[in-house]
Amino acid sequence: MLWVGERTRQLDGAHVEFLCGVANPLGIKVSDKMNPSDLVKLIEILNPSNKPGRITIITWMEAENMRVIEILNPSNKPGRITIIN
């Protein structure tokens, strides 16, 4: 599985642009540093047709910095399909 992470998830960056053309499922590593609205935008960019199974969110943070609920809730907008790993 290909993924974008802390250093490669710029919304207008080359990695995200490249992954838009990949048909395989993709992962998004989410750390406590990620802005929740950026996660929603990234999901919309990488999965514009909302294909089930296209995006897997991979949490990447230490227990004391855990903000999973705050970060992941925006991705669960009505109609947005996301698998959380």
Protein backbone atom coordinates (compact mmCIF):
# COMPACT_ATOMS: atom_id res chain seq x y z
CA MET A 1 0.00 0.00 0.00
CA LEU A 2 1.27 3.43 -0.90
CA TRP A 3 0.67 6.21 1.59
CA VAL A 4 1.23 9.86 2.38
CA GLY A 5 2.66 10.81 5.73
CA GLU A 6 3.91 13.72 7.79
CA ARG A 7 6.47 14.90 5.24
CA THR A 8 4.61 14.03 2.02
CA ARG A 9 0.98 15.07 2.51
CA GLN A 10 1.07 18.66 1.24
CA LEU A 11 -2.25 19.20 -0.53
CA ASP A 12 -0.52 20.77 -3.56
CA GLY A 13 2.63 18.62 -3.35
CA ALA A 14 4.10 16.16 -5.84
CA HIS A 15 3.41 13.07 -3.71
CA VAL A 16 -0.31 13.81 -3.44
CA GLU A 17 -0.50 14.63 -7.14
CA PHE A 18 1.25 11.35 -8.01
CA LEU A 19 -1.07 9.31 -5.77
CA CYS A 20 -4.15 10.80 -7.44
CA GLY A 21 -3.20 8.77 -10.52
CA VAL A 22 -2.65 5.49 -8.65
CA ALA A 23 -5.57 3.04 -8.71
CA ASN A 24 -4.44 1.01 -5.68
CA PRO A 25 -5.82 1.63 -2.19
CA LEU A 26 -3.95 4.41 -0.39
CA GLY A 27 -3.05 5.14 3.22
CA ILE A 28 -2.90 8.44 5.04
CA LYS A 29 -0.72 8.54 8.14
CA VAL A 30 -2.33 10.86 10.68
CA SER A 31 -0.30 12.32 13.54
CA ASP A 32 -1.25 14.67 16.35
CA LYS A 33 0.25 17.48 14.22
CA MET A 34 -2.33 17.15 11.46
CA ASN A 35 -5.03 19.76 11.08
CA PRO A 36 -8.43 17.99 10.92
CA SER A 37 -9.65 20.13 8.01
CA ASP A 38 -6.51 19.19 6.04
CA LEU A 39 -7.41 15.52 6.51
CA VAL A 40 -10.85 16.09 5.01
CA LYS A 41 -9.33 17.99 2.06
CA LEU A 42 -6.73 15.27 1.51
CA ILE A 43 -9.39 12.54 1.51
CA GLU A 44 -11.43 14.52 -1.01
CA ILE A 45 -8.37 15.01 -3.25
CA LEU A 46 -7.25 11.36 -3.14
CA ASN A 47 -10.74 9.86 -3.34
CA PRO A 48 -12.94 12.31 -5.26
CA SER A 49 -15.39 9.60 -6.35
CA ASN A 50 -15.68 8.27 -2.76
CA LYS A 51 -14.74 4.73 -3.77
CA PRO A 52 -15.12 2.29 -0.83
CA GLY A 53 -11.76 0.87 0.31
CA ARG A 54 -9.71 3.54 -1.45
CA ILE A 55 -8.45 5.30 1.72
CA THR A 56 -7.17 3.81 4.96
CA ILE A 57 -6.26 6.19 7.76
CA ILE A 58 -3.24 5.07 9.79
CA THR A 59 -2.92 6.71 13.20
CA TRP A 60 0.65 7.65 14.02
CA MET A 61 0.92 9.22 17.47
CA GLU A 62 2.00 8.51 21.02
CA ALA A 63 -0.65 7.84 23.67
CA GLU A 64 -0.10 11.15 25.47
CA ASN A 65 -0.67 13.04 22.22
CA MET A 66 -3.70 11.02 21.11
CA ARG A 67 -6.24 13.23 19.36
CA VAL A 68 -7.75 10.55 17.17
CA ILE A 69 -11.38 11.42 17.82
CA GLU A 70 -10.84 15.13 17.14
CA ILE A 71 -8.82 14.48 14.00
CA LEU A 72 -10.92 11.69 12.51
CA ASN A 73 -14.43 12.99 13.14
CA PRO A 74 -14.29 15.53 10.27
CA SER A 75 -13.48 12.70 7.82
CA ASN A 76 -16.78 11.01 8.69
CA LYS A 77 -18.89 13.59 6.92
CA PRO A 78 -22.17 12.19 5.57
CA GLY A 79 -21.43 10.20 2.45
CA ARG A 80 -17.64 10.04 3.00
CA ILE A 81 -16.41 6.44 3.23
CA THR A 82 -13.20 5.92 5.24
CA ILE A 83 -11.58 2.91 6.91
CA ILE A 84 -9.68 3.69 10.11
CA ASN A 85 -6.75 1.44 10.98
